[in-house]
Amino acid sequence: MSLADACLTCGACCASYRVSFYWGEATGAPQGHVPSELTESFHPHLLCMQGTNQREPRCIALVGAIGEQVSCSIYPDRPSPCREFAMSIDGSNPYCDKARAKYGLLPLISVHEVA
């Protein structure tokens, strides 16, 4: 498995954090793209993905088993926090590392071949 494929087997971030974003990203707004039916109101100006504002969050758009095989059912239309969440390589995103640890997954490290 390459690092580029790591998110396709992980999904820990989708089941660890609240995904909140400006309401204008949802399809209820003129230029919105996130399906409104998969969101809930979080604040007067913010929505969140259903399932992520729970004690044990899991995004409604997450499909599959964490740590095995996952996908996002709305990937092309996902909200900005999902687009901006970076995979951690060598500790570059402690939130990714923390989510992976919650599900017993090791941190991602880059491997350099020696010539």
PDB file of N, CA and C in Angstrom:
ATOM      1  N   MET A   1       0.841  -1.188   0.000  1.00  0.00           N
ATOM      2  CA  MET A   1       0.000   0.000   0.000  1.00  0.00           C
ATOM      3  C   MET A   1       0.877   1.238   0.000  1.00  0.00           C
ATOM      4  N   SER A   2       0.545   2.186  -0.834  1.00  0.00           N
ATOM      5  CA  SER A   2       1.284   3.441  -0.870  1.00  0.00           C
ATOM      6  C   SER A   2       0.647   4.434   0.097  1.00  0.00           C
ATOM      7  N   LEU A   3       1.399   5.466   0.453  1.00  0.00           N
ATOM      8  CA  LEU A   3       0.843   6.508   1.315  1.00  0.00           C
ATOM      9  C   LEU A   3      -0.363   7.170   0.668  1.00  0.00           C
ATOM     10  N   ALA A   4      -0.360   7.255  -0.660  1.00  0.00           N
ATOM     11  CA  ALA A   4      -1.485   7.873  -1.364  1.00  0.00           C
ATOM     12  C   ALA A   4      -2.780   7.102  -1.131  1.00  0.00           C
ATOM     13  N   ASP A   5      -2.692   5.814  -0.856  1.00  0.00           N
ATOM     14  CA  ASP A   5      -3.872   4.980  -0.620  1.00  0.00           C
ATOM     15  C   ASP A   5      -4.243   4.864   0.853  1.00  0.00           C
ATOM     16  N   ALA A   6      -3.449   5.449   1.735  1.00  0.00           N
ATOM     17  CA  ALA A   6      -3.652   5.265   3.176  1.00  0.00           C
ATOM     18  C   ALA A   6      -5.041   5.682   3.644  1.00  0.00           C
ATOM     19  N   CYS A   7      -5.586   6.749   3.122  1.00  0.00           N
ATOM     20  CA  CYS A   7      -6.904   7.211   3.544  1.00  0.00           C
ATOM     21  C   CYS A   7      -8.008   6.241   3.118  1.00  0.00           C
ATOM     22  N   LEU A   8      -7.774   5.470   2.077  1.00  0.00           N
ATOM     23  CA  LEU A   8      -8.781   4.520   1.594  1.00  0.00           C
ATOM     24  C   LEU A   8      -8.921   3.306   2.505  1.00  0.00           C
ATOM     25  N   THR A   9      -7.971   3.121   3.400  1.00  0.00           N
ATOM     26  CA  THR A   9      -8.071   2.018   4.355  1.00  0.00           C
ATOM     27  C   THR A   9      -8.254   2.527   5.778  1.00  0.00           C
ATOM     28  N   CYS A  10      -8.230   3.822   5.977  1.00  0.00           N
ATOM     29  CA  CYS A  10      -8.271   4.380   7.326  1.00  0.00           C
ATOM     30  C   CYS A  10      -9.678   4.823   7.722  1.00  0.00           C
ATOM     31  N   GLY A  11     -10.018   6.078   7.453  1.00  0.00           N
ATOM     32  CA  GLY A  11     -11.323   6.620   7.812  1.00  0.00           C
ATOM     33  C   GLY A  11     -11.450   7.054   9.255  1.00  0.00           C
ATOM     34  N   ALA A  12     -10.357   6.982  10.010  1.00  0.00           N
ATOM     35  CA  ALA A  12     -10.422   7.315  11.437  1.00  0.00           C
ATOM     36  C   ALA A  12     -10.835   8.763  11.685  1.00  0.00           C
ATOM     37  N   CYS A  13     -10.403   9.684  10.839  1.00  0.00           N
ATOM     38  CA  CYS A  13     -10.765  11.092  11.045  1.00  0.00           C
ATOM     39  C   CYS A  13     -12.276  11.288  10.910  1.00  0.00           C
ATOM     40  N   CYS A  14     -12.906  10.526  10.017  1.00  0.00           N
ATOM     41  CA  CYS A  14     -14.350  10.626   9.775  1.00  0.00           C
ATOM     42  C   CYS A  14     -15.175  10.095  10.948  1.00  0.00           C
ATOM     43  N   ALA A  15     -14.514   9.399  11.852  1.00  0.00           N
ATOM     44  CA  ALA A  15     -15.194   8.831  13.012  1.00  0.00           C
ATOM     45  C   ALA A  15     -14.544   9.292  14.316  1.00  0.00           C
ATOM     46  N   SER A  16     -13.948  10.487  14.267  1.00  0.00           N
ATOM     47  CA  SER A  16     -13.297  11.021  15.464  1.00  0.00           C
ATOM     48  C   SER A  16     -13.646  12.471  15.767  1.00  0.00           C
ATOM     49  N   TYR A  17     -14.014  13.233  14.751  1.00  0.00           N
ATOM     50  CA  TYR A  17     -14.191  14.674  14.930  1.00  0.00           C
ATOM     51  C   TYR A  17     -15.521  15.177  14.369  1.00  0.00           C
ATOM     52  N   ARG A  18     -15.993  16.297  14.946  1.00  0.00           N
ATOM     53  CA  ARG A  18     -17.168  16.966  14.388  1.00  0.00           C
ATOM     54  C   ARG A  18     -16.736  17.671  13.103  1.00  0.00           C
ATOM     55  N   VAL A  19     -17.527  17.512  12.067  1.00  0.00           N
ATOM     56  CA  VAL A  19     -17.251  18.166  10.786  1.00  0.00           C
ATOM     57  C   VAL A  19     -18.230  19.325  10.661  1.00  0.00           C
ATOM     58  N   SER A  20     -17.806  20.507  11.098  1.00  0.00           N
ATOM     59  CA  SER A  20     -18.670  21.680  11.035  1.00  0.00           C
ATOM     60  C   SER A  20     -18.152  22.652   9.985  1.00  0.00           C
ATOM     61  N   PHE A  21     -19.086  23.351   9.345  1.00  0.00           N
ATOM     62  CA  PHE A  21     -18.746  24.230   8.224  1.00  0.00           C
ATOM     63  C   PHE A  21     -19.846  25.258   8.019  1.00  0.00           C
ATOM     64  N   TYR A  22     -19.521  26.299   7.276  1.00  0.00           N
ATOM     65  CA  TYR A  22     -20.444  27.388   6.977  1.00  0.00           C
ATOM     66  C   TYR A  22     -21.645  26.858   6.191  1.00  0.00           C
ATOM     67  N   TRP A  23     -22.835  27.282   6.548  1.00  0.00           N
ATOM     68  CA  TRP A  23     -24.068  26.781   5.946  1.00  0.00           C
ATOM     69  C   TRP A  23     -24.110  26.970   4.431  1.00  0.00           C
ATOM     70  N   GLY A  24     -23.392  27.957   3.912  1.00  0.00           N
ATOM     71  CA  GLY A  24     -23.377  28.237   2.475  1.00  0.00           C
ATOM     72  C   GLY A  24     -22.737  27.141   1.634  1.00  0.00           C
ATOM     73  N   GLU A  25     -22.082  26.174   2.272  1.00  0.00           N
ATOM     74  CA  GLU A  25     -21.508  25.048   1.531  1.00  0.00           C
ATOM     75  C   GLU A  25     -22.559  23.985   1.205  1.00  0.00           C
ATOM     76  N   ALA A  26     -23.709  24.043   1.861  1.00  0.00           N
ATOM     77  CA  ALA A  26     -24.751  23.031   1.659  1.00  0.00           C
ATOM     78  C   ALA A  26     -25.640  23.373   0.465  1.00  0.00           C
ATOM     79  N   THR A  27     -26.290  22.365  -0.082  1.00  0.00           N
ATOM     80  CA  THR A  27     -27.121  22.549  -1.275  1.00  0.00           C
ATOM     81  C   THR A  27     -28.314  23.459  -1.048  1.00  0.00           C
ATOM     82  N   GLY A  28     -28.639  23.767   0.193  1.00  0.00           N
ATOM     83  CA  GLY A  28     -29.696  24.724   0.472  1.00  0.00           C
ATOM     84  C   GLY A  28     -29.314  26.147   0.118  1.00  0.00           C
ATOM     85  N   ALA A  29     -28.042  26.383  -0.118  1.00  0.00           N
ATOM     86  CA  ALA A  29     -27.542  27.701  -0.523  1.00  0.00           C
ATOM     87  C   ALA A  29     -27.315  27.700  -2.033  1.00  0.00           C
ATOM     88  N   PRO A  30     -27.379  28.861  -2.663  1.00  0.00           N
ATOM     89  CA  PRO A  30     -27.260  28.938  -4.126  1.00  0.00           C
ATOM     90  C   PRO A  30     -26.013  28.262  -4.715  1.00  0.00           C
ATOM     91  N   GLN A  31     -24.874  28.389  -4.098  1.00  0.00           N
ATOM     92  CA  GLN A  31     -23.642  27.791  -4.630  1.00  0.00           C
ATOM     93  C   GLN A  31     -23.191  26.570  -3.822  1.00  0.00           C
ATOM     94  N   GLY A  32     -24.069  26.031  -2.988  1.00  0.00           N
ATOM     95  CA  GLY A  32     -23.708  24.918  -2.116  1.00  0.00           C
ATOM     96  C   GLY A  32     -23.524  23.602  -2.847  1.00  0.00           C
ATOM     97  N   HIS A  33     -22.723  22.717  -2.266  1.00  0.00           N
ATOM     98  CA  HIS A  33     -22.452  21.427  -2.879  1.00  0.00           C
ATOM     99  C   HIS A  33     -22.608  20.249  -1.910  1.00  0.00           C
ATOM    100  N   VAL A  34     -22.562  20.474  -0.618  1.00  0.00           N
ATOM    101  CA  VAL A  34     -22.722  19.397   0.363  1.00  0.00           C
ATOM    102  C   VAL A  34     -24.216  19.088   0.476  1.00  0.00           C
ATOM    103  N   PRO A  35     -24.625  17.832   0.295  1.00  0.00           N
ATOM    104  CA  PRO A  35     -26.054  17.507   0.375  1.00  0.00           C
ATOM    105  C   PRO A  35     -26.668  17.910   1.724  1.00  0.00           C
ATOM    106  N   SER A  36     -27.599  18.848   1.679  1.00  0.00           N
ATOM    107  CA  SER A  36     -28.228  19.365   2.903  1.00  0.00           C
ATOM    108  C   SER A  36     -28.872  18.265   3.739  1.00  0.00           C
ATOM    109  N   GLU A  37     -29.398  17.231   3.078  1.00  0.00           N
ATOM    110  CA  GLU A  37     -30.077  16.162   3.813  1.00  0.00           C
ATOM    111  C   GLU A  37     -29.111  15.338   4.678  1.00  0.00           C
ATOM    112  N   LEU A  38     -27.813  15.527   4.506  1.00  0.00           N
ATOM    113  CA  LEU A  38     -26.826  14.812   5.315  1.00  0.00           C
ATOM    114  C   LEU A  38     -26.216  15.700   6.399  1.00  0.00           C
ATOM    115  N   THR A  39     -26.797  16.895   6.575  1.00  0.00           N
ATOM    116  CA  THR A  39     -26.268  17.838   7.560  1.00  0.00           C
ATOM    117  C   THR A  39     -27.294  18.101   8.651  1.00  0.00           C
ATOM    118  N   GLU A  40     -26.821  18.721   9.716  1.00  0.00           N
ATOM    119  CA  GLU A  40     -27.711  19.199  10.774  1.00  0.00           C
ATOM    120  C   GLU A  40     -27.197  20.548  11.257  1.00  0.00           C
ATOM    121  N   SER A  41     -28.093  21.333  11.823  1.00  0.00           N
ATOM    122  CA  SER A  41     -27.724  22.652  12.323  1.00  0.00           C
ATOM    123  C   SER A  41     -26.869  22.488  13.572  1.00  0.00           C
ATOM    124  N   PHE A  42     -25.799  23.270  13.622  1.00  0.00           N
ATOM    125  CA  PHE A  42     -24.881  23.212  14.760  1.00  0.00           C
ATOM    126  C   PHE A  42     -24.819  24.557  15.481  1.00  0.00           C
ATOM    127  N   HIS A  43     -24.973  25.623  14.752  1.00  0.00           N
ATOM    128  CA  HIS A  43     -24.834  26.992  15.230  1.00  0.00           C
ATOM    129  C   HIS A  43     -25.616  27.845  14.232  1.00  0.00           C
ATOM    130  N   PRO A  44     -26.029  29.057  14.567  1.00  0.00           N
ATOM    131  CA  PRO A  44     -26.799  29.846  13.603  1.00  0.00           C
ATOM    132  C   PRO A  44     -26.183  29.962  12.206  1.00  0.00           C
ATOM    133  N   HIS A  45     -24.867  29.908  12.116  1.00  0.00           N
ATOM    134  CA  HIS A  45     -24.221  30.050  10.808  1.00  0.00           C
ATOM    135  C   HIS A  45     -23.451  28.796  10.384  1.00  0.00           C
ATOM    136  N   LEU A  46     -23.524  27.762  11.197  1.00  0.00           N
ATOM    137  CA  LEU A  46     -22.763  26.546  10.907  1.00  0.00           C
ATOM    138  C   LEU A  46     -23.649  25.309  10.841  1.00  0.00           C
ATOM    139  N   LEU A  47     -23.277  24.411   9.973  1.00  0.00           N
ATOM    140  CA  LEU A  47     -23.881  23.084   9.905  1.00  0.00           C
ATOM    141  C   LEU A  47     -22.798  22.087  10.279  1.00  0.00           C
ATOM    142  N   CYS A  48     -23.205  20.861  10.519  1.00  0.00           N
ATOM    143  CA  CYS A  48     -22.223  19.789  10.667  1.00  0.00           C
ATOM    144  C   CYS A  48     -22.778  18.556   9.970  1.00  0.00           C
ATOM    145  N   MET A  49     -21.885  17.673   9.604  1.00  0.00           N
ATOM    146  CA  MET A  49     -22.311  16.426   8.978  1.00  0.00           C
ATOM    147  C   MET A  49     -23.031  15.593  10.035  1.00  0.00           C
ATOM    148  N   GLN A  50     -24.150  15.009   9.659  1.00  0.00           N
ATOM    149  CA  GLN A  50     -24.885  14.158  10.585  1.00  0.00           C
ATOM    150  C   GLN A  50     -23.961  13.062  11.111  1.00  0.00           C
ATOM    151  N   GLY A  51     -24.110  12.794  12.387  1.00  0.00           N
ATOM    152  CA  GLY A  51     -23.322  11.749  13.032  1.00  0.00           C
ATOM    153  C   GLY A  51     -22.023  12.240  13.639  1.00  0.00           C
ATOM    154  N   THR A  52     -21.579  13.440  13.269  1.00  0.00           N
ATOM    155  CA  THR A  52     -20.295  13.901  13.790  1.00  0.00           C
ATOM    156  C   THR A  52     -20.414  14.742  15.052  1.00  0.00           C
ATOM    157  N   ASN A  53     -21.610  15.146  15.423  1.00  0.00           N
ATOM    158  CA  ASN A  53     -21.804  15.929  16.641  1.00  0.00           C
ATOM    159  C   ASN A  53     -22.313  15.025  17.763  1.00  0.00           C
ATOM    160  N   GLN A  54     -21.733  13.845  17.851  1.00  0.00           N
ATOM    161  CA  GLN A  54     -22.118  12.840  18.839  1.00  0.00           C
ATOM    162  C   GLN A  54     -20.944  12.556  19.768  1.00  0.00           C
ATOM    163  N   ARG A  55     -21.218  11.921  20.881  1.00  0.00           N
ATOM    164  CA  ARG A  55     -20.147  11.516  21.796  1.00  0.00           C
ATOM    165  C   ARG A  55     -19.157  10.597  21.086  1.00  0.00           C
ATOM    166  N   GLU A  56     -19.661   9.676  20.287  1.00  0.00           N
ATOM    167  CA  GLU A  56     -18.842   8.786  19.464  1.00  0.00           C
ATOM    168  C   GLU A  56     -19.136   9.121  18.007  1.00  0.00           C
ATOM    169  N   PRO A  57     -18.449  10.115  17.452  1.00  0.00           N
ATOM    170  CA  PRO A  57     -18.787  10.578  16.099  1.00  0.00           C
ATOM    171  C   PRO A  57     -18.490   9.549  15.008  1.00  0.00           C
ATOM    172  N   ARG A  58     -19.321   9.578  13.995  1.00  0.00           N
ATOM    173  CA  ARG A  58     -19.083   8.838  12.756  1.00  0.00           C
ATOM    174  C   ARG A  58     -19.908   9.541  11.685  1.00  0.00           C
ATOM    175  N   CYS A  59     -19.241  10.061  10.690  1.00  0.00           N
ATOM    176  CA  CYS A  59     -19.911  10.801   9.633  1.00  0.00           C
ATOM    177  C   CYS A  59     -20.863   9.894   8.861  1.00  0.00           C
ATOM    178  N   ILE A  60     -22.033  10.410   8.577  1.00  0.00           N
ATOM    179  CA  ILE A  60     -23.037   9.666   7.823  1.00  0.00           C
ATOM    180  C   ILE A  60     -22.543   9.294   6.423  1.00  0.00           C
ATOM    181  N   ALA A  61     -21.607  10.054   5.886  1.00  0.00           N
ATOM    182  CA  ALA A  61     -21.098   9.796   4.533  1.00  0.00           C
ATOM    183  C   ALA A  61     -19.980   8.750   4.500  1.00  0.00           C
ATOM    184  N   LEU A  62     -19.493   8.332   5.665  1.00  0.00           N
ATOM    185  CA  LEU A  62     -18.433   7.328   5.712  1.00  0.00           C
ATOM    186  C   LEU A  62     -19.007   5.946   5.441  1.00  0.00           C
ATOM    187  N   VAL A  63     -18.433   5.264   4.475  1.00  0.00           N
ATOM    188  CA  VAL A  63     -18.868   3.924   4.098  1.00  0.00           C
ATOM    189  C   VAL A  63     -17.705   2.966   4.346  1.00  0.00           C
ATOM    190  N   GLY A  64     -17.981   1.839   4.984  1.00  0.00           N
ATOM    191  CA  GLY A  64     -16.949   0.824   5.161  1.00  0.00           C
ATOM    192  C   GLY A  64     -16.487   0.681   6.596  1.00  0.00           C
ATOM    193  N   ALA A  65     -15.456  -0.136   6.748  1.00  0.00           N
ATOM    194  CA  ALA A  65     -14.899  -0.450   8.062  1.00  0.00           C
ATOM    195  C   ALA A  65     -13.600   0.318   8.274  1.00  0.00           C
ATOM    196  N   ILE A  66     -13.538   1.053   9.367  1.00  0.00           N
ATOM    197  CA  ILE A  66     -12.359   1.846   9.698  1.00  0.00           C
ATOM    198  C   ILE A  66     -11.153   0.925   9.836  1.00  0.00           C
ATOM    199  N   GLY A  67     -10.068   1.340   9.204  1.00  0.00           N
ATOM    200  CA  GLY A  67      -8.837   0.574   9.266  1.00  0.00           C
ATOM    201  C   GLY A  67      -8.757  -0.565   8.267  1.00  0.00           C
ATOM    202  N   GLU A  68      -9.831  -0.767   7.515  1.00  0.00           N
ATOM    203  CA  GLU A  68      -9.849  -1.854   6.535  1.00  0.00           C
ATOM    204  C   GLU A  68     -10.065  -1.320   5.118  1.00  0.00           C
ATOM    205  N   GLN A  69     -11.270  -0.838   4.859  1.00  0.00           N
ATOM    206  CA  GLN A  69     -11.607  -0.305   3.537  1.00  0.00           C
ATOM    207  C   GLN A  69     -12.722   0.711   3.736  1.00  0.00           C
ATOM    208  N   VAL A  70     -12.483   1.964   3.373  1.00  0.00           N
ATOM    209  CA  VAL A  70     -13.476   3.014   3.553  1.00  0.00           C
ATOM    210  C   VAL A  70     -13.555   3.900   2.319  1.00  0.00           C
ATOM    211  N   SER A  71     -14.651   4.632   2.256  1.00  0.00           N
ATOM    212  CA  SER A  71     -14.811   5.652   1.226  1.00  0.00           C
ATOM    213  C   SER A  71     -15.810   6.680   1.738  1.00  0.00           C
ATOM    214  N   CYS A  72     -15.854   7.797   1.046  1.00  0.00           N
ATOM    215  CA  CYS A  72     -16.798   8.863   1.359  1.00  0.00           C
ATOM    216  C   CYS A  72     -17.867   8.855   0.274  1.00  0.00           C
ATOM    217  N   SER A  73     -19.107   8.700   0.672  1.00  0.00           N
ATOM    218  CA  SER A  73     -20.195   8.613  -0.303  1.00  0.00           C
ATOM    219  C   SER A  73     -20.458   9.935  -1.017  1.00  0.00           C
ATOM    220  N   ILE A  74     -19.905  11.027  -0.503  1.00  0.00           N
ATOM    221  CA  ILE A  74     -20.090  12.340  -1.152  1.00  0.00           C
ATOM    222  C   ILE A  74     -18.740  12.986  -1.464  1.00  0.00           C
ATOM    223  N   TYR A  75     -17.725  12.184  -1.699  1.00  0.00           N
ATOM    224  CA  TYR A  75     -16.359  12.688  -1.851  1.00  0.00           C
ATOM    225  C   TYR A  75     -16.245  13.938  -2.738  1.00  0.00           C
ATOM    226  N   PRO A  76     -16.806  13.961  -3.938  1.00  0.00           N
ATOM    227  CA  PRO A  76     -16.663  15.180  -4.764  1.00  0.00           C
ATOM    228  C   PRO A  76     -17.374  16.401  -4.164  1.00  0.00           C
ATOM    229  N   ASP A  77     -18.341  16.150  -3.266  1.00  0.00           N
ATOM    230  CA  ASP A  77     -19.136  17.224  -2.674  1.00  0.00           C
ATOM    231  C   ASP A  77     -18.880  17.392  -1.182  1.00  0.00           C
ATOM    232  N   ARG A  78     -17.784  16.846  -0.678  1.00  0.00           N
ATOM    233  CA  ARG A  78     -17.482  16.918   0.754  1.00  0.00           C
ATOM    234  C   ARG A  78     -17.241  18.366   1.182  1.00  0.00           C
ATOM    235  N   PRO A  79     -17.468  18.679   2.471  1.00  0.00           N
ATOM    236  CA  PRO A  79     -17.279  20.048   2.960  1.00  0.00           C
ATOM    237  C   PRO A  79     -15.803  20.418   3.112  1.00  0.00           C
ATOM    238  N   SER A  80     -15.564  21.709   3.281  1.00  0.00           N
ATOM    239  CA  SER A  80     -14.197  22.234   3.358  1.00  0.00           C
ATOM    240  C   SER A  80     -13.343  21.605   4.463  1.00  0.00           C
ATOM    241  N   PRO A  81     -13.866  21.321   5.667  1.00  0.00           N
ATOM    242  CA  PRO A  81     -12.982  20.710   6.670  1.00  0.00           C
ATOM    243  C   PRO A  81     -12.418  19.364   6.199  1.00  0.00           C
ATOM    244  N   CYS A  82     -13.194  18.629   5.441  1.00  0.00           N
ATOM    245  CA  CYS A  82     -12.726  17.343   4.924  1.00  0.00           C
ATOM    246  C   CYS A  82     -11.685  17.551   3.831  1.00  0.00           C
ATOM    247  N   ARG A  83     -11.906  18.559   3.010  1.00  0.00           N
ATOM    248  CA  ARG A  83     -10.948  18.854   1.939  1.00  0.00           C
ATOM    249  C   ARG A  83      -9.618  19.342   2.507  1.00  0.00           C
ATOM    250  N   GLU A  84      -9.676  20.032   3.637  1.00  0.00           N
ATOM    251  CA  GLU A  84      -8.479  20.639   4.223  1.00  0.00           C
ATOM    252  C   GLU A  84      -7.748  19.726   5.200  1.00  0.00           C
ATOM    253  N   PHE A  85      -8.389  18.650   5.645  1.00  0.00           N
ATOM    254  CA  PHE A  85      -7.769  17.753   6.624  1.00  0.00           C
ATOM    255  C   PHE A  85      -6.662  16.952   5.943  1.00  0.00           C
ATOM    256  N   ALA A  86      -5.452  17.154   6.385  1.00  0.00           N
ATOM    257  CA  ALA A  86      -4.299  16.517   5.750  1.00  0.00           C
ATOM    258  C   ALA A  86      -3.942  15.193   6.422  1.00  0.00           C
ATOM    259  N   MET A  87      -3.588  14.234   5.595  1.00  0.00           N
ATOM    260  CA  MET A  87      -3.061  12.976   6.082  1.00  0.00           C
ATOM    261  C   MET A  87      -1.736  13.276   6.780  1.00  0.00           C
ATOM    262  N   SER A  88      -1.499  12.639   7.907  1.00  0.00           N
ATOM    263  CA  SER A  88      -0.254  12.847   8.625  1.00  0.00           C
ATOM    264  C   SER A  88       0.823  11.917   8.085  1.00  0.00           C
ATOM    265  N   ILE A  89       1.912  12.498   7.696  1.00  0.00           N
ATOM    266  CA  ILE A  89       3.072  11.710   7.302  1.00  0.00           C
ATOM    267  C   ILE A  89       4.217  12.145   8.208  1.00  0.00           C
ATOM    268  N   ASP A  90       4.762  11.210   8.934  1.00  0.00           N
ATOM    269  CA  ASP A  90       5.852  11.507   9.869  1.00  0.00           C
ATOM    270  C   ASP A  90       5.443  12.557  10.894  1.00  0.00           C
ATOM    271  N   GLY A  91       4.184  12.486  11.358  1.00  0.00           N
ATOM    272  CA  GLY A  91       3.727  13.378  12.414  1.00  0.00           C
ATOM    273  C   GLY A  91       3.321  14.763  11.981  1.00  0.00           C
ATOM    274  N   SER A  92       3.093  14.980  10.695  1.00  0.00           N
ATOM    275  CA  SER A  92       2.775  16.321  10.195  1.00  0.00           C
ATOM    276  C   SER A  92       1.383  16.815  10.582  1.00  0.00           C
ATOM    277  N   ASN A  93       0.472  15.916  10.957  1.00  0.00           N
ATOM    278  CA  ASN A  93      -0.864  16.313  11.410  1.00  0.00           C
ATOM    279  C   ASN A  93      -1.202  15.500  12.662  1.00  0.00           C
ATOM    280  N   PRO A  94      -1.006  16.085  13.841  1.00  0.00           N
ATOM    281  CA  PRO A  94      -1.263  15.339  15.078  1.00  0.00           C
ATOM    282  C   PRO A  94      -2.722  14.899  15.235  1.00  0.00           C
ATOM    283  N   TYR A  95      -3.650  15.590  14.580  1.00  0.00           N
ATOM    284  CA  TYR A  95      -5.055  15.191  14.668  1.00  0.00           C
ATOM    285  C   TYR A  95      -5.306  13.891  13.903  1.00  0.00           C
ATOM    286  N   CYS A  96      -4.639  13.731  12.797  1.00  0.00           N
ATOM    287  CA  CYS A  96      -4.703  12.471  12.051  1.00  0.00           C
ATOM    288  C   CYS A  96      -4.100  11.351  12.900  1.00  0.00           C
ATOM    289  N   ASP A  97      -2.932  11.607  13.462  1.00  0.00           N
ATOM    290  CA  ASP A  97      -2.266  10.599  14.299  1.00  0.00           C
ATOM    291  C   ASP A  97      -3.151  10.198  15.481  1.00  0.00           C
ATOM    292  N   LYS A  98      -3.797  11.174  16.112  1.00  0.00           N
ATOM    293  CA  LYS A  98      -4.661  10.909  17.270  1.00  0.00           C
ATOM    294  C   LYS A  98      -5.874  10.067  16.855  1.00  0.00           C
ATOM    295  N   ALA A  99      -6.476  10.397  15.723  1.00  0.00           N
ATOM    296  CA  ALA A  99      -7.635   9.636  15.243  1.00  0.00           C
ATOM    297  C   ALA A  99      -7.223   8.201  14.909  1.00  0.00           C
ATOM    298  N   ARG A 100      -6.086   8.039  14.252  1.00  0.00           N
ATOM    299  CA  ARG A 100      -5.603   6.697  13.917  1.00  0.00           C
ATOM    300  C   ARG A 100      -5.350   5.883  15.189  1.00  0.00           C
ATOM    301  N   ALA A 101      -4.743   6.498  16.190  1.00  0.00           N
ATOM    302  CA  ALA A 101      -4.458   5.802  17.449  1.00  0.00           C
ATOM    303  C   ALA A 101      -5.743   5.356  18.144  1.00  0.00           C
ATOM    304  N   LYS A 102      -6.778   6.174  18.048  1.00  0.00           N
ATOM    305  CA  LYS A 102      -8.075   5.834  18.661  1.00  0.00           C
ATOM    306  C   LYS A 102      -8.593   4.492  18.138  1.00  0.00           C
ATOM    307  N   TYR A 103      -8.267   4.166  16.909  1.00  0.00           N
ATOM    308  CA  TYR A 103      -8.727   2.916  16.291  1.00  0.00           C
ATOM    309  C   TYR A 103      -7.619   1.870  16.193  1.00  0.00           C
ATOM    310  N   GLY A 104      -6.545   2.082  16.944  1.00  0.00           N
ATOM    311  CA  GLY A 104      -5.460   1.110  16.981  1.00  0.00           C
ATOM    312  C   GLY A 104      -4.606   1.073  15.730  1.00  0.00           C
ATOM    313  N   LEU A 105      -4.622   2.151  14.957  1.00  0.00           N
ATOM    314  CA  LEU A 105      -3.825   2.222  13.732  1.00  0.00           C
ATOM    315  C   LEU A 105      -2.524   2.967  14.012  1.00  0.00           C
ATOM    316  N   LEU A 106      -1.449   2.489  13.444  1.00  0.00           N
ATOM    317  CA  LEU A 106      -0.149   3.118  13.633  1.00  0.00           C
ATOM    318  C   LEU A 106      -0.058   4.422  12.847  1.00  0.00           C
ATOM    319  N   PRO A 107       0.794   5.346  13.283  1.00  0.00           N
ATOM    320  CA  PRO A 107       1.024   6.572  12.507  1.00  0.00           C
ATOM    321  C   PRO A 107       1.625   6.216  11.146  1.00  0.00           C
ATOM    322  N   LEU A 108       1.398   7.072  10.188  1.00  0.00           N
ATOM    323  CA  LEU A 108       1.967   6.869   8.852  1.00  0.00           C
ATOM    324  C   LEU A 108       3.377   7.439   8.815  1.00  0.00           C
ATOM    325  N   ILE A 109       4.285   6.682   8.244  1.00  0.00           N
ATOM    326  CA  ILE A 109       5.657   7.147   8.098  1.00  0.00           C
ATOM    327  C   ILE A 109       6.094   6.974   6.656  1.00  0.00           C
ATOM    328  N   SER A 110       6.958   7.846   6.228  1.00  0.00           N
ATOM    329  CA  SER A 110       7.498   7.698   4.877  1.00  0.00           C
ATOM    330  C   SER A 110       8.702   6.767   4.956  1.00  0.00           C
ATOM    331  N   VAL A 111       8.866   5.994   3.919  1.00  0.00           N
ATOM    332  CA  VAL A 111       9.980   5.058   3.840  1.00  0.00           C
ATOM    333  C   VAL A 111      10.853   5.484   2.679  1.00  0.00           C
ATOM    334  N   HIS A 112      12.108   5.710   2.947  1.00  0.00           N
ATOM    335  CA  HIS A 112      13.052   6.120   1.902  1.00  0.00           C
ATOM    336  C   HIS A 112      13.935   4.944   1.553  1.00  0.00           C
ATOM    337  N   GLU A 113      14.027   4.673   0.274  1.00  0.00           N
ATOM    338  CA  GLU A 113      14.892   3.594  -0.174  1.00  0.00           C
ATOM    339  C   GLU A 113      16.336   4.073  -0.163  1.00  0.00           C
ATOM    340  N   VAL A 114      17.216   3.192   0.260  1.00  0.00           N
ATOM    341  CA  VAL A 114      18.635   3.494   0.252  1.00  0.00           C
ATOM    342  C   VAL A 114      19.219   2.963  -1.049  1.00  0.00           C
ATOM    343  N   ALA A 115      19.945   3.827  -1.755  1.00  0.00           N
ATOM    344  CA  ALA A 115      20.500   3.421  -3.050  1.00  0.00           C
ATOM    345  C   ALA A 115      21.705   2.529  -2.902  1.00  0.00           C
TER     346      ALA A 115
END
